[in-house]
C-alpha atoms as a PDB file:
ATOM      1  CA  MET A   1      -5.155 -14.378 -17.795  1.00  0.00           C
ATOM      2  CA  VAL A   2      -8.129 -13.121 -15.139  1.00  0.00           C
ATOM      3  CA  ALA A   3      -9.350 -16.962 -15.245  1.00  0.00           C
ATOM      4  CA  ILE A   4      -6.464 -18.248 -14.297  1.00  0.00           C
ATOM      5  CA  PHE A   5      -6.142 -16.691 -11.072  1.00  0.00           C
ATOM      6  CA  ARG A   6      -9.998 -17.355 -10.114  1.00  0.00           C
ATOM      7  CA  SER A   7      -9.179 -20.525  -8.803  1.00  0.00           C
ATOM      8  CA  TYR A   8      -7.623 -21.334  -5.318  1.00  0.00           C
ATOM      9  CA  HIS A   9      -4.818 -24.072  -6.656  1.00  0.00           C
ATOM     10  CA  LEU A  10      -1.218 -24.024  -5.217  1.00  0.00           C
ATOM     11  CA  SER A  11       0.316 -23.120  -8.462  1.00  0.00           C
ATOM     12  CA  ALA A  12      -0.656 -20.114  -8.810  1.00  0.00           C
ATOM     13  CA  ILE A  13       1.368 -18.467  -6.393  1.00  0.00           C
ATOM     14  CA  PHE A  14       4.176 -19.411  -9.353  1.00  0.00           C
ATOM     15  CA  LEU A  15       1.913 -17.945 -11.770  1.00  0.00           C
ATOM     16  CA  LEU A  16       2.005 -14.573  -9.502  1.00  0.00           C
ATOM     17  CA  PHE A  17       5.618 -14.854  -8.903  1.00  0.00           C
ATOM     18  CA  ILE A  18       6.376 -14.929 -12.794  1.00  0.00           C
ATOM     19  CA  TYR A  19       3.471 -11.977 -13.110  1.00  0.00           C
ATOM     20  CA  THR A  20       5.467  -9.968 -10.933  1.00  0.00           C
ATOM     21  CA  VAL A  21       8.660 -10.493 -12.638  1.00  0.00           C
ATOM     22  CA  LEU A  22       7.545  -9.601 -16.019  1.00  0.00           C
ATOM     23  CA  LEU A  23       5.618  -6.107 -15.163  1.00  0.00           C
ATOM     24  CA  ARG A  24       9.327  -5.510 -13.487  1.00  0.00           C
ATOM     25  CA  LEU A  25      11.091  -6.710 -15.900  1.00  0.00           C
ATOM     26  CA  VAL A  26      11.484  -2.971 -17.620  1.00  0.00           C
ATOM     27  CA  LEU A  27      13.902  -2.066 -14.741  1.00  0.00           C
ATOM     28  CA  PHE A  28      16.694  -4.895 -15.411  1.00  0.00           C
ATOM     29  CA  VAL A  29      16.248  -4.494 -19.889  1.00  0.00           C
ATOM     30  CA  GLU A  30      17.420  -0.923 -19.399  1.00  0.00           C
ATOM     31  CA  PRO A  31      19.204  -0.530 -15.839  1.00  0.00           C
ATOM     32  CA  VAL A  32      17.122   1.957 -13.116  1.00  0.00           C
ATOM     33  CA  ILE A  33      19.845   3.241 -11.270  1.00  0.00           C
ATOM     34  CA  PHE A  34      17.984   3.269  -7.574  1.00  0.00           C
ATOM     35  CA  GLN A  35      19.419   6.480  -5.548  1.00  0.00           C
ATOM     36  CA  ALA A  36      17.781   6.913  -2.139  1.00  0.00           C
ATOM     37  CA  PRO A  37      15.394  10.091  -1.282  1.00  0.00           C
ATOM     38  CA  GLU A  38      17.190  12.922   0.080  1.00  0.00           C
ATOM     39  CA  ASN A  39      14.918  13.081   3.262  1.00  0.00           C
ATOM     40  CA  THR A  40      14.102   9.709   4.812  1.00  0.00           C
ATOM     41  CA  ASN A  41      12.956   8.862   8.265  1.00  0.00           C
ATOM     42  CA  PHE A  42      14.839   7.063  10.357  1.00  0.00           C
ATOM     43  CA  LEU A  43      14.430   3.484  10.089  1.00  0.00           C
ATOM     44  CA  SER A  44      14.342   4.056   6.752  1.00  0.00           C
ATOM     45  CA  GLU A  45      17.415   5.640   6.773  1.00  0.00           C
ATOM     46  CA  ILE A  46      19.174   3.066   8.916  1.00  0.00           C
ATOM     47  CA  THR A  47      17.511   0.292   6.011  1.00  0.00           C
ATOM     48  CA  TYR A  48      18.880   1.952   3.135  1.00  0.00           C
ATOM     49  CA  ASN A  49      22.676   2.392   4.921  1.00  0.00           C
ATOM     50  CA  VAL A  50      22.700  -1.391   5.657  1.00  0.00           C
ATOM     51  CA  LEU A  51      21.567  -2.560   2.114  1.00  0.00           C
ATOM     52  CA  ALA A  52      24.633   0.128   0.640  1.00  0.00           C
ATOM     53  CA  SER A  53      27.090  -1.653   2.368  1.00  0.00           C
ATOM     54  CA  PHE A  54      25.921  -5.209   0.976  1.00  0.00           C
ATOM     55  CA  VAL A  55      24.828  -3.843  -2.461  1.00  0.00           C
ATOM     56  CA  GLN A  56      27.433  -1.155  -3.010  1.00  0.00           C
ATOM     57  CA  GLU A  57      26.899  -0.693  -7.291  1.00  0.00           C
ATOM     58  CA  GLN A  58      25.108  -3.283  -7.609  1.00  0.00           C
ATOM     59  CA  PHE A  59      22.157  -1.476  -8.331  1.00  0.00           C
ATOM     60  CA  TYR A  60      19.419  -4.097  -9.319  1.00  0.00           C
ATOM     61  CA  PHE A  61      19.380  -5.550  -5.984  1.00  0.00           C
ATOM     62  CA  TYR A  62      17.135  -3.117  -4.631  1.00  0.00           C
ATOM     63  CA  HIS A  63      15.004  -3.529  -7.521  1.00  0.00           C
ATOM     64  CA  ILE A  64      15.052  -7.094  -6.637  1.00  0.00           C
ATOM     65  CA  ILE A  65      14.515  -6.719  -3.012  1.00  0.00           C
ATOM     66  CA  SER A  66      11.333  -4.872  -4.065  1.00  0.00           C
ATOM     67  CA  GLY A  67       9.852  -7.104  -6.139  1.00  0.00           C
ATOM     68  CA  LEU A  68      10.076  -9.837  -3.804  1.00  0.00           C
ATOM     69  CA  ILE A  69       8.435  -7.092  -1.129  1.00  0.00           C
ATOM     70  CA  ILE A  70       5.482  -6.699  -3.182  1.00  0.00           C
ATOM     71  CA  PHE A  71       5.329 -10.391  -3.639  1.00  0.00           C
ATOM     72  CA  PHE A  72       5.033 -11.302  -0.453  1.00  0.00           C
ATOM     73  CA  GLN A  73       2.899  -8.317   0.433  1.00  0.00           C
ATOM     74  CA  ALA A  74       0.559  -9.533  -2.107  1.00  0.00           C
ATOM     75  CA  LEU A  75       0.236 -13.128  -0.747  1.00  0.00           C
ATOM     76  CA  TYR A  76      -0.495 -11.789   2.877  1.00  0.00           C
ATOM     77  CA  PHE A  77      -3.155  -9.517   0.962  1.00  0.00           C
ATOM     78  CA  ASN A  78      -4.608 -12.646  -0.992  1.00  0.00           C
ATOM     79  CA  HIS A  79      -4.620 -14.443   2.609  1.00  0.00           C
ATOM     80  CA  LEU A  80      -6.520 -11.824   4.613  1.00  0.00           C
ATOM     81  CA  ILE A  81      -9.490 -11.200   1.552  1.00  0.00           C
ATOM     82  CA  ASN A  82      -9.565 -15.099   1.727  1.00  0.00           C
ATOM     83  CA  TYR A  83      -9.253 -15.951   5.577  1.00  0.00           C
ATOM     84  CA  TYR A  84     -11.718 -13.183   6.566  1.00  0.00           C
ATOM     85  CA  ARG A  85     -14.012 -14.149   3.250  1.00  0.00           C
ATOM     86  CA  ILE A  86     -14.538 -10.513   2.011  1.00  0.00           C
ATOM     87  CA  LEU A  87     -14.584 -12.013  -1.204  1.00  0.00           C
ATOM     88  CA  PRO A  88     -17.453 -14.599  -2.151  1.00  0.00           C
ATOM     89  CA  LYS A  89     -14.878 -17.009  -2.690  1.00  0.00           C
ATOM     90  CA  SER A  90     -11.458 -17.871  -2.169  1.00  0.00           C
ATOM     91  CA  SER A  91      -9.073 -16.923  -4.450  1.00  0.00           C
ATOM     92  CA  TYR A  92      -5.985 -15.320  -6.238  1.00  0.00           C
ATOM     93  CA  LEU A  93      -7.537 -12.758  -7.667  1.00  0.00           C
ATOM     94  CA  PRO A  94      -6.813 -10.160  -4.060  1.00  0.00           C
ATOM     95  CA  ALA A  95      -2.566 -11.050  -4.539  1.00  0.00           C
ATOM     96  CA  PHE A  96      -3.170 -10.526  -8.698  1.00  0.00           C
ATOM     97  CA  SER A  97      -4.852  -7.390  -8.531  1.00  0.00           C
ATOM     98  CA  PHE A  98      -2.597  -6.401  -5.851  1.00  0.00           C
ATOM     99  CA  ILE A  99       0.433  -7.221  -7.825  1.00  0.00           C
ATOM    100  CA  MET A 100      -1.009  -5.322 -10.998  1.00  0.00           C
ATOM    101  CA  VAL A 101      -1.883  -1.909  -8.864  1.00  0.00           C
ATOM    102  CA  SER A 102       1.686  -1.862  -7.774  1.00  0.00           C
ATOM    103  CA  SER A 103       2.825  -1.827 -11.044  1.00  0.00           C
ATOM    104  CA  LEU A 104       0.601   1.056 -12.350  1.00  0.00           C
ATOM    105  CA  PHE A 105       4.077   3.381 -12.223  1.00  0.00           C
ATOM    106  CA  VAL A 106       7.862   2.855 -12.113  1.00  0.00           C
ATOM    107  CA  GLU A 107       7.834   5.033  -8.890  1.00  0.00           C
ATOM    108  CA  PHE A 108       5.730   2.580  -7.491  1.00  0.00           C
ATOM    109  CA  MET A 109       8.201  -0.467  -8.268  1.00  0.00           C
ATOM    110  CA  LEU A 110      11.497   1.260  -6.997  1.00  0.00           C
ATOM    111  CA  LEU A 111      12.258   0.460  -2.995  1.00  0.00           C
ATOM    112  CA  THR A 112      10.837   3.819  -1.811  1.00  0.00           C
ATOM    113  CA  PRO A 113      10.511   4.233   1.896  1.00  0.00           C
ATOM    114  CA  PRO A 114       6.156   4.104   1.748  1.00  0.00           C
ATOM    115  CA  LEU A 115       6.522   0.751   0.297  1.00  0.00           C
ATOM    116  CA  ILE A 116       8.788  -0.545   2.800  1.00  0.00           C
ATOM    117  CA  ALA A 117       5.891   1.013   5.179  1.00  0.00           C
ATOM    118  CA  ASN A 118       3.547  -0.734   3.290  1.00  0.00           C
ATOM    119  CA  THR A 119       4.295  -3.622   4.470  1.00  0.00           C
ATOM    120  CA  PHE A 120       3.654  -2.645   8.166  1.00  0.00           C
ATOM    121  CA  LEU A 121       0.559  -1.364   7.547  1.00  0.00           C
ATOM    122  CA  LEU A 122      -0.619  -4.706   6.021  1.00  0.00           C
ATOM    123  CA  PHE A 123       0.389  -6.173   9.155  1.00  0.00           C
ATOM    124  CA  ALA A 124      -1.627  -3.513  10.734  1.00  0.00           C
ATOM    125  CA  LEU A 125      -4.846  -4.407   8.570  1.00  0.00           C
ATOM    126  CA  GLY A 126      -4.442  -8.012   9.932  1.00  0.00           C
ATOM    127  CA  ARG A 127      -4.728  -7.424  13.505  1.00  0.00           C
ATOM    128  CA  ILE A 128      -7.462  -5.068  12.567  1.00  0.00           C
ATOM    129  CA  PHE A 129      -9.631  -7.934  11.577  1.00  0.00           C
ATOM    130  CA  ALA A 130      -8.586 -10.118  14.358  1.00  0.00           C
ATOM    131  CA  TRP A 131     -10.331  -8.089  16.660  1.00  0.00           C
ATOM    132  CA  TYR A 132     -13.859  -8.597  15.720  1.00  0.00           C
ATOM    133  CA  LYS A 133     -16.143 -10.432  18.312  1.00  0.00           C
ATOM    134  CA  LYS A 134     -13.376 -11.144  20.544  1.00  0.00           C
ATOM    135  CA  GLU A 135     -13.506 -10.051  24.268  1.00  0.00           C
ATOM    136  CA  LYS A 136      -9.987  -9.260  24.954  1.00  0.00           C
ATOM    137  CA  VAL A 137      -8.432  -7.585  22.075  1.00  0.00           C
ATOM    138  CA  THR A 138      -5.656  -5.031  23.478  1.00  0.00           C
ATOM    139  CA  ALA A 139      -2.791  -6.723  22.616  1.00  0.00           C
ATOM    140  CA  ALA A 140      -3.470  -7.010  19.268  1.00  0.00           C
ATOM    141  CA  ILE A 141      -4.812  -3.017  19.335  1.00  0.00           C
ATOM    142  CA  PHE A 142      -1.120  -2.298  20.812  1.00  0.00           C
ATOM    143  CA  ASP A 143       0.264  -4.574  18.365  1.00  0.00           C
ATOM    144  CA  THR A 144      -1.972  -2.326  15.298  1.00  0.00           C
ATOM    145  CA  GLY A 145      -0.630   0.995  17.149  1.00  0.00           C
ATOM    146  CA  PHE A 146       2.947   0.164  17.355  1.00  0.00           C
ATOM    147  CA  LEU A 147       2.712  -1.201  13.809  1.00  0.00           C
ATOM    148  CA  ILE A 148       1.713   2.133  13.032  1.00  0.00           C
ATOM    149  CA  SER A 149       4.122   3.334  14.373  1.00  0.00           C
ATOM    150  CA  ILE A 150       6.887   1.174  12.931  1.00  0.00           C
ATOM    151  CA  ALA A 151       5.789   2.798   9.487  1.00  0.00           C
ATOM    152  CA  SER A 152       6.243   6.320  10.333  1.00  0.00           C
ATOM    153  CA  LEU A 153       9.218   5.816  11.270  1.00  0.00           C
ATOM    154  CA  PHE A 154       9.827   4.184   7.387  1.00  0.00           C
ATOM    155  CA  PHE A 155       8.123   7.125   6.055  1.00  0.00           C
ATOM    156  CA  PHE A 156       6.333   9.708   8.619  1.00  0.00           C
ATOM    157  CA  PRO A 157       3.513  10.166   6.730  1.00  0.00           C
ATOM    158  CA  TYR A 158       1.945   7.539   7.564  1.00  0.00           C
ATOM    159  CA  ILE A 159       1.347   8.842  11.105  1.00  0.00           C
ATOM    160  CA  VAL A 160      -1.886   9.968   9.808  1.00  0.00           C
ATOM    161  CA  PHE A 161      -2.939   6.495   9.282  1.00  0.00           C
ATOM    162  CA  PHE A 162      -3.432   6.208  13.613  1.00  0.00           C
ATOM    163  CA  LEU A 163      -6.301   8.158  12.644  1.00  0.00           C
ATOM    164  CA  PHE A 164      -7.192   5.280  10.691  1.00  0.00           C
ATOM    165  CA  LEU A 165      -7.092   3.139  13.449  1.00  0.00           C
ATOM    166  CA  LEU A 166      -9.034   5.120  15.795  1.00  0.00           C
ATOM    167  CA  ALA A 167     -11.908   4.817  13.005  1.00  0.00           C
ATOM    168  CA  SER A 168     -11.740   0.832  13.000  1.00  0.00           C
ATOM    169  CA  ILE A 169     -12.006   0.604  16.881  1.00  0.00           C
ATOM    170  CA  THR A 170     -14.630   3.136  16.800  1.00  0.00           C
ATOM    171  CA  ILE A 171     -16.440   0.713  13.533  1.00  0.00           C
ATOM    172  CA  LEU A 172     -15.354  -2.653  15.505  1.00  0.00           C
ATOM    173  CA  ARG A 173     -15.579  -2.087  18.675  1.00  0.00           C
ATOM    174  CA  PRO A 174     -17.700  -1.166  21.603  1.00  0.00           C
ATOM    175  CA  PHE A 175     -16.837   2.071  22.859  1.00  0.00           C
ATOM    176  CA  SER A 176     -13.764   1.773  25.426  1.00  0.00           C
ATOM    177  CA  LEU A 177     -11.689   4.434  26.687  1.00  0.00           C
ATOM    178  CA  ARG A 178      -9.364   2.423  27.604  1.00  0.00           C
ATOM    179  CA  GLU A 179      -9.085   1.170  23.760  1.00  0.00           C
ATOM    180  CA  TYR A 180      -8.079   4.478  22.539  1.00  0.00           C
ATOM    181  CA  MET A 181      -5.593   4.837  25.316  1.00  0.00           C
ATOM    182  CA  ILE A 182      -3.707   1.824  24.383  1.00  0.00           C
ATOM    183  CA  ALA A 183      -3.516   2.343  21.000  1.00  0.00           C
ATOM    184  CA  PHE A 184      -2.140   5.714  21.291  1.00  0.00           C
ATOM    185  CA  ILE A 185       0.748   4.132  23.948  1.00  0.00           C
ATOM    186  CA  GLY A 186       1.338   1.440  21.105  1.00  0.00           C
ATOM    187  CA  LEU A 187       1.931   4.545  18.737  1.00  0.00           C
ATOM    188  CA  LEU A 188       4.241   6.593  20.891  1.00  0.00           C
ATOM    189  CA  LEU A 189       6.295   3.497  22.756  1.00  0.00           C
ATOM    190  CA  PRO A 190       8.425   3.699  19.658  1.00  0.00           C
ATOM    191  CA  TYR A 191       8.987   7.463  18.966  1.00  0.00           C
ATOM    192  CA  TYR A 192       9.720   7.940  23.034  1.00  0.00           C
ATOM    193  CA  PHE A 193      12.680   4.626  22.766  1.00  0.00           C
ATOM    194  CA  ILE A 194      13.771   6.267  19.739  1.00  0.00           C
ATOM    195  CA  GLY A 195      13.818   9.694  21.067  1.00  0.00           C
ATOM    196  CA  VAL A 196      15.783   8.579  24.504  1.00  0.00           C
ATOM    197  CA  TYR A 197      18.373   7.044  21.728  1.00  0.00           C
ATOM    198  CA  PHE A 198      19.161  10.176  20.462  1.00  0.00           C
ATOM    199  CA  PHE A 199      18.933  12.267  23.687  1.00  0.00           C
ATOM    200  CA  TRP A 200      21.668  10.380  24.642  1.00  0.00           C
ATOM    201  CA  HIS A 201      23.405  11.041  21.769  1.00  0.00           C
ATOM    202  CA  ASN A 202      22.772  15.009  21.675  1.00  0.00           C
ATOM    203  CA  GLN A 203      21.247  14.525  18.315  1.00  0.00           C
ATOM    204  CA  LEU A 204      17.081  14.858  19.378  1.00  0.00           C
ATOM    205  CA  PRO A 205      17.230  18.296  17.708  1.00  0.00           C
ATOM    206  CA  GLU A 206      18.254  15.901  14.052  1.00  0.00           C
ATOM    207  CA  PHE A 207      15.441  13.205  15.058  1.00  0.00           C
ATOM    208  CA  LEU A 208      12.705  15.755  15.567  1.00  0.00           C
ATOM    209  CA  ASN A 209      13.810  17.954  12.644  1.00  0.00           C
ATOM    210  CA  THR A 210      12.492  14.633  10.074  1.00  0.00           C
ATOM    211  CA  LEU A 211       9.320  14.374  11.588  1.00  0.00           C
ATOM    212  CA  THR A 212       7.832  18.152  10.735  1.00  0.00           C
ATOM    213  CA  ILE A 213       4.935  18.129   8.817  1.00  0.00           C
ATOM    214  CA  THR A 214       5.922  21.037   5.828  1.00  0.00           C
ATOM    215  CA  GLU A 215       2.469  22.100   4.891  1.00  0.00           C
ATOM    216  CA  LEU A 216      -0.747  22.107   6.364  1.00  0.00           C
ATOM    217  CA  ASN A 217      -2.251  22.441   2.686  1.00  0.00           C
ATOM    218  CA  PHE A 218      -2.636  20.099  -0.306  1.00  0.00           C
ATOM    219  CA  ASN A 219      -0.827  22.022  -3.173  1.00  0.00           C
ATOM    220  CA  VAL A 220      -2.904  20.938  -6.569  1.00  0.00           C
ATOM    221  CA  GLN A 221       0.315  22.780  -8.195  1.00  0.00           C
ATOM    222  CA  ILE A 222       2.685  20.219  -7.578  1.00  0.00           C
ATOM    223  CA  ILE A 223       1.476  17.626  -8.842  1.00  0.00           C
ATOM    224  CA  GLU A 224       2.719  15.583 -11.739  1.00  0.00           C
ATOM    225  CA  ARG A 225       0.219  16.543 -14.741  1.00  0.00           C
ATOM    226  CA  SER A 226       1.092  13.755 -17.640  1.00  0.00           C
ATOM    227  CA  MET A 227      -0.462  12.088 -20.097  1.00  0.00           C
ATOM    228  CA  ARG A 228       0.741   8.183 -18.496  1.00  0.00           C
ATOM    229  CA  ILE A 229      -1.317   9.226 -15.518  1.00  0.00           C
ATOM    230  CA  PHE A 230      -4.207  10.493 -17.279  1.00  0.00           C
ATOM    231  CA  ILE A 231      -4.530   7.165 -19.346  1.00  0.00           C
ATOM    232  CA  ILE A 232      -3.418   4.618 -16.477  1.00  0.00           C
ATOM    233  CA  SER A 233      -5.954   6.717 -13.834  1.00  0.00           C
ATOM    234  CA  ILE A 234      -9.184   6.472 -16.342  1.00  0.00           C
ATOM    235  CA  PRO A 235      -9.458   2.760 -15.952  1.00  0.00           C
ATOM    236  CA  VAL A 236      -8.466   2.788 -12.256  1.00  0.00           C
ATOM    237  CA  LEU A 237     -11.105   4.774 -11.348  1.00  0.00           C
ATOM    238  CA  VAL A 238     -13.843   3.552 -13.709  1.00  0.00           C
ATOM    239  CA  VAL A 239     -12.655   0.039 -11.220  1.00  0.00           C
ATOM    240  CA  ILE A 240     -12.965   1.691  -8.097  1.00  0.00           C
ATOM    241  CA  ALA A 241     -16.306   3.493  -9.242  1.00  0.00           C
ATOM    242  CA  TRP A 242     -17.941   0.027 -10.625  1.00  0.00           C
ATOM    243  CA  SER A 243     -16.427  -1.840  -7.069  1.00  0.00           C
ATOM    244  CA  ALA A 244     -18.252   0.955  -5.114  1.00  0.00           C
ATOM    245  CA  LEU A 245     -21.622   1.033  -6.414  1.00  0.00           C
ATOM    246  CA  TYR A 246     -21.199  -2.503  -6.619  1.00  0.00           C
ATOM    247  CA  LEU A 247     -21.193  -3.116  -3.098  1.00  0.00           C
ATOM    248  CA  GLN A 248     -23.498  -0.233  -2.151  1.00  0.00           C
ATOM    249  CA  ALA A 249     -26.311  -2.398  -4.055  1.00  0.00           C
ATOM    250  CA  ASN A 250     -25.394  -5.355  -2.738  1.00  0.00           C
ATOM    251  CA  LEU A 251     -24.680  -3.783   1.423  1.00  0.00           C
ATOM    252  CA  PHE A 252     -27.664  -5.683   2.568  1.00  0.00           C
ATOM    253  CA  ARG A 253     -26.718  -9.206   1.114  1.00  0.00           C
ATOM    254  CA  LEU A 254     -23.163  -9.477   3.006  1.00  0.00           C
ATOM    255  CA  VAL A 255     -22.886 -10.487   6.600  1.00  0.00           C
ATOM    256  CA  VAL A 256     -22.755  -7.482   9.118  1.00  0.00           C
ATOM    257  CA  GLN A 257     -18.718  -8.915   9.703  1.00  0.00           C
ATOM    258  CA  VAL A 258     -17.847  -8.283   6.008  1.00  0.00           C
ATOM    259  CA  ARG A 259     -19.651  -4.973   5.518  1.00  0.00           C
ATOM    260  CA  ASN A 260     -17.822  -3.336   8.817  1.00  0.00           C
ATOM    261  CA  TYR A 261     -14.485  -4.529   6.915  1.00  0.00           C
ATOM    262  CA  LEU A 262     -15.526  -2.578   3.715  1.00  0.00           C
ATOM    263  CA  VAL A 263     -16.264   0.090   5.928  1.00  0.00           C
ATOM    264  CA  VAL A 264     -12.594   0.205   7.262  1.00  0.00           C
ATOM    265  CA  PHE A 265     -11.393  -0.648   3.635  1.00  0.00           C
ATOM    266  CA  VAL A 266     -12.815   3.105   3.147  1.00  0.00           C
ATOM    267  CA  TRP A 267     -11.646   4.737   6.019  1.00  0.00           C
ATOM    268  CA  LEU A 268      -8.104   3.617   4.984  1.00  0.00           C
ATOM    269  CA  PHE A 269      -8.656   5.256   1.661  1.00  0.00           C
ATOM    270  CA  ILE A 270      -9.794   8.696   3.368  1.00  0.00           C
ATOM    271  CA  VAL A 271      -7.200   8.410   6.014  1.00  0.00           C
ATOM    272  CA  GLY A 272      -4.636   7.729   2.943  1.00  0.00           C
ATOM    273  CA  ILE A 273      -5.332  10.753   1.194  1.00  0.00           C
ATOM    274  CA  LEU A 274      -5.144  12.775   4.696  1.00  0.00           C
ATOM    275  CA  SER A 275      -1.437  11.738   3.939  1.00  0.00           C
ATOM    276  CA  LEU A 276      -0.935  14.048   1.124  1.00  0.00           C
ATOM    277  CA  LEU A 277      -1.178  16.758   3.837  1.00  0.00           C
ATOM    278  CA  ILE A 278       2.151  15.705   5.429  1.00  0.00           C
ATOM    279  CA  GLN A 279       5.443  16.220   3.781  1.00  0.00           C
ATOM    280  CA  PHE A 280       4.085  15.997  -0.176  1.00  0.00           C
ATOM    281  CA  GLU A 281       6.015  17.349  -2.533  1.00  0.00           C
ATOM    282  CA  GLY A 282       4.510  16.149  -5.937  1.00  0.00           C
ATOM    283  CA  GLU A 283       6.255  12.371  -5.836  1.00  0.00           C
ATOM    284  CA  LEU A 284       4.031   9.682  -7.098  1.00  0.00           C
ATOM    285  CA  PHE A 285       5.361   7.007  -4.651  1.00  0.00           C
ATOM    286  CA  HIS A 286       3.587   9.128  -2.217  1.00  0.00           C
ATOM    287  CA  PHE A 287       0.341   7.239  -3.445  1.00  0.00           C
ATOM    288  CA  ILE A 288       1.413   3.781  -3.112  1.00  0.00           C
ATOM    289  CA  TRP A 289      -0.875   3.359  -0.487  1.00  0.00           C
ATOM    290  CA  LEU A 290      -3.756   3.297  -2.768  1.00  0.00           C
ATOM    291  CA  ILE A 291      -2.727  -0.543  -3.600  1.00  0.00           C
ATOM    292  CA  LEU A 292      -4.667  -1.608  -0.463  1.00  0.00           C
ATOM    293  CA  PRO A 293      -8.314  -0.564  -1.792  1.00  0.00           C
ATOM    294  CA  ALA A 294      -7.412  -0.312  -4.861  1.00  0.00           C
ATOM    295  CA  GLY A 295      -6.443  -3.686  -5.007  1.00  0.00           C
ATOM    296  CA  LEU A 296      -9.694  -5.001  -3.383  1.00  0.00           C
ATOM    297  CA  ALA A 297     -11.695  -2.669  -5.812  1.00  0.00           C
ATOM    298  CA  PHE A 298     -10.037  -4.726  -8.719  1.00  0.00           C
ATOM    299  CA  ALA A 299     -10.599  -8.245  -7.035  1.00  0.00           C
ATOM    300  CA  PHE A 300     -14.303  -7.098  -6.825  1.00  0.00           C
ATOM    301  CA  PHE A 301     -14.304  -6.543 -10.455  1.00  0.00           C
ATOM    302  CA  PHE A 302     -12.431  -9.391 -11.666  1.00  0.00           C
ATOM    303  CA  ALA A 303     -14.589 -11.411  -9.189  1.00  0.00           C
ATOM    304  CA  GLU A 304     -17.790 -10.440  -9.439  1.00  0.00           C
ATOM    305  CA  PHE A 305     -18.067  -8.899 -13.286  1.00  0.00           C
ATOM    306  CA  ARG A 306     -20.586 -11.047 -15.059  1.00  0.00           C
ATOM    307  CA  ARG A 307     -19.228 -10.368 -18.343  1.00  0.00           C
ATOM    308  CA  LYS A 308     -15.625 -12.013 -17.926  1.00  0.00           C
ATOM    309  CA  ALA A 309     -14.461 -10.765 -21.602  1.00  0.00           C
ATOM    310  CA  VAL A 310     -14.797  -7.438 -20.348  1.00  0.00           C
ATOM    311  CA  SER A 311     -12.597  -8.114 -17.722  1.00  0.00           C
ATOM    312  CA  GLU A 312      -9.921  -9.475 -19.618  1.00  0.00           C
ATOM    313  CA  ILE A 313     -10.218  -6.830 -22.103  1.00  0.00           C
ATOM    314  CA  VAL A 314      -9.582  -3.988 -18.714  1.00  0.00           C
ATOM    315  CA  HIS A 315      -7.103  -6.034 -17.150  1.00  0.00           C
ATOM    316  CA  LEU A 316      -5.128  -6.265 -21.072  1.00  0.00           C
ATOM    317  CA  PHE A 317      -5.917  -2.742 -21.975  1.00  0.00           C
ATOM    318  CA  LEU A 318      -4.042  -2.024 -17.977  1.00  0.00           C
ATOM    319  CA  ILE A 319      -1.102  -4.145 -18.571  1.00  0.00           C
ATOM    320  CA  LEU A 320      -0.373  -2.734 -22.391  1.00  0.00           C
ATOM    321  CA  THR A 321      -0.444   0.586 -21.340  1.00  0.00           C
ATOM    322  CA  ILE A 322       1.582   0.073 -18.150  1.00  0.00           C
ATOM    323  CA  PHE A 323       4.167  -1.804 -20.165  1.00  0.00           C
ATOM    324  CA  PHE A 324       3.717   1.119 -22.663  1.00  0.00           C
ATOM    325  CA  PHE A 325       4.711   4.017 -20.529  1.00  0.00           C
ATOM    326  CA  GLN A 326       6.988   2.174 -18.498  1.00  0.00           C
ATOM    327  CA  TYR A 327       9.537   1.617 -21.292  1.00  0.00           C
ATOM    328  CA  MET A 328       8.960   4.936 -22.425  1.00  0.00           C
ATOM    329  CA  TYR A 329       9.312   6.356 -18.935  1.00  0.00           C
ATOM    330  CA  ILE A 330      12.732   4.310 -18.506  1.00  0.00           C
ATOM    331  CA  PHE A 331      13.969   5.887 -22.511  1.00  0.00           C
ATOM    332  CA  ASP A 332      12.919   9.221 -21.875  1.00  0.00           C
ATOM    333  CA  GLN A 333      11.672   9.707 -25.250  1.00  0.00           C
ATOM    334  CA  PHE A 334       9.009  11.871 -24.579  1.00  0.00           C
ATOM    335  CA  SER A 335       9.553  15.630 -24.199  1.00  0.00           C
ATOM    336  CA  PHE A 336       6.504  15.593 -21.658  1.00  0.00           C
ATOM    337  CA  PRO A 337       6.697  14.586 -18.140  1.00  0.00           C
ATOM    338  CA  LEU A 338       6.190  10.856 -17.844  1.00  0.00           C
END
């Protein structure tokens, strides 16, 4: 199947859609009742309230919406990787990998706040890539800060990706204090206007309570330990490690622009880990930001690994494992936490 998406033919988009549907079919075989998280941020609460007024008891609409979001995120991610030539050849492998990684766990497939926030993080990544070797990028930097701010209003831990924005400015731009200040203004502006709104309605303390940082330490005891996480994580970590070693070995063969973009992805991964320091209570969906760097790692693996049969075997193993644990998770036939 991997070979199909090594091409850049438009027909692959239809196959990507079918692939997305198949990986999410379990949500409809045994209908999963979606419940919005109890503690949601401002924009995610508005989104759930609006959807609830239309969807009501038809919970499968939430799964359809989440599937469509992932599908369009994958296409946009694929556009970025191909347009900026991060992979040697244009293909649909980035979208294919993105969809696969987004289906590793059932929690990744639900319409959670970080899934929605990922859309704005992707848009921010696109604006960051557009800075390279351009003189006037103040508007793009402002837009990036603004997009990260919107993402954090859906899922507050994404506020930490402002550090990712600062790191990207340092990597891709010559030093300019003005650009750092513009990035901060872009981040602050949505909070300023929303804060004014709540202030005039005497609800500012309630809004500020949604922005609290619960603990400034990473409590490993609250992370779920289960067989599904252990088995699925092994091939994922192996592929990420192989991609990192491959890129390190071939780093100087890449053009400077691509090298800088890859460093940006490294910082995306690092800052994503730091987001676990904010309002993390062991939820698996908190790790959904991994779809971006892991999707790129799998795209490199599928595109550059010499023995194509091995990449097919890895993909088949992951798909069979995903299906197995999806259905066991839904039907709850195991005594250990899945």
